[in-house]
Amino acid sequence: MADLGILYLVGTPIGNLEDMTFRAIATLKQVDLIAAEDTRHTGKLLHHFGIATPQISYHEHNAHRRVPELVEKLQQGMAIALVTDAGMPAISDPGVELVQGCIAAGIRVVPIPVVTAGIAALTASGLATAHFGFEGFLPVDNKARRDRLEFLQQESRTMILYESPHRLLRTISDLAEFLGQDRHLAIARELTKIHEEFWRGDLAAAIAHFTDHAPKGEFTLVVAGAAPKEKINWTEADILKELQSLVDAGTSRSEASRQIAEMLQLPRRQIYQLALTLP
């Protein structure tokens, strides 16, 4: 039985070809096959670096049938590199399905890292970098989009989002509606390319700016997290008094407990136990 092959996750430049690493070039030359999001796009990159390795397409529309096919090739001992059009595979990309398939089959997965737009934008944003969350593209469906934005209202970490030029205004307008117009952010355009540009300010100013300046290129948004809420310290007597007031006004004990627990950032069960002692 042949030894299992290896899946290499090879990062490619997000714009500037000089960001291609020596290790990435060597890996793409040595593997048996390159699974590419767009073989024509990747073909240009391979030609530039003198890489003659054959390609096979792997993208969101054929991932369901390509995963078992590629896993079988890896089980037969082939070495395969997975690449996306720009940046790291499996980030806002169906590569995660192939990675999961390989892990389930006991196949080794080796990342070959490169610059990513999210981290590049974060480091130059001027916003907090100690804790951050990657959101990628917000959902397009209205309900799913609103649900996600409502969830992000409480996010205290810096947030990283990707957006296309034709949806940028919609996204910053939606962020302003849910997070507040005074929320600060940095918007990076065309990272690593000739026309790389950073815009920094609050969401209200961002809406005004990109209304007057039509968005062009690919955008990465770095949005400040929510300021921590100041914790309210009430005594047990204070809580009972407020519970009684809500119940007297017709609010159920359960709902009154939920409201006060949320306001005080305390467990709902703890408040409900107090509500049960009310006459």
Foldseek 3Di string as FASTA:
>chain_A
DEDFAEEEWAAQAQADRVQHDPVSLVLLQPFQEEAEQDCVLVVVSCVVSVHDHYYDYDFPVCPVPVLVVVNVVRRNHGYYYYYYNHFTAPDVTPVVVNVVSCVVVVHHYHYHHTDDPQVVCVVPKPADDPDEDEDEAADPDPVSNVVVLLVQLQFQHKYKYKDAQVCVLVVLVSNCVRNNQQWWKKKWFPPPHPPTDIDTGGSVVVNVVCVVPRDDGIIMMITHGDDDDDADDDDLVRLLVQLVVCVVVPDDLLVSLVVVCVNRVHDSVVSSVSSVPDD
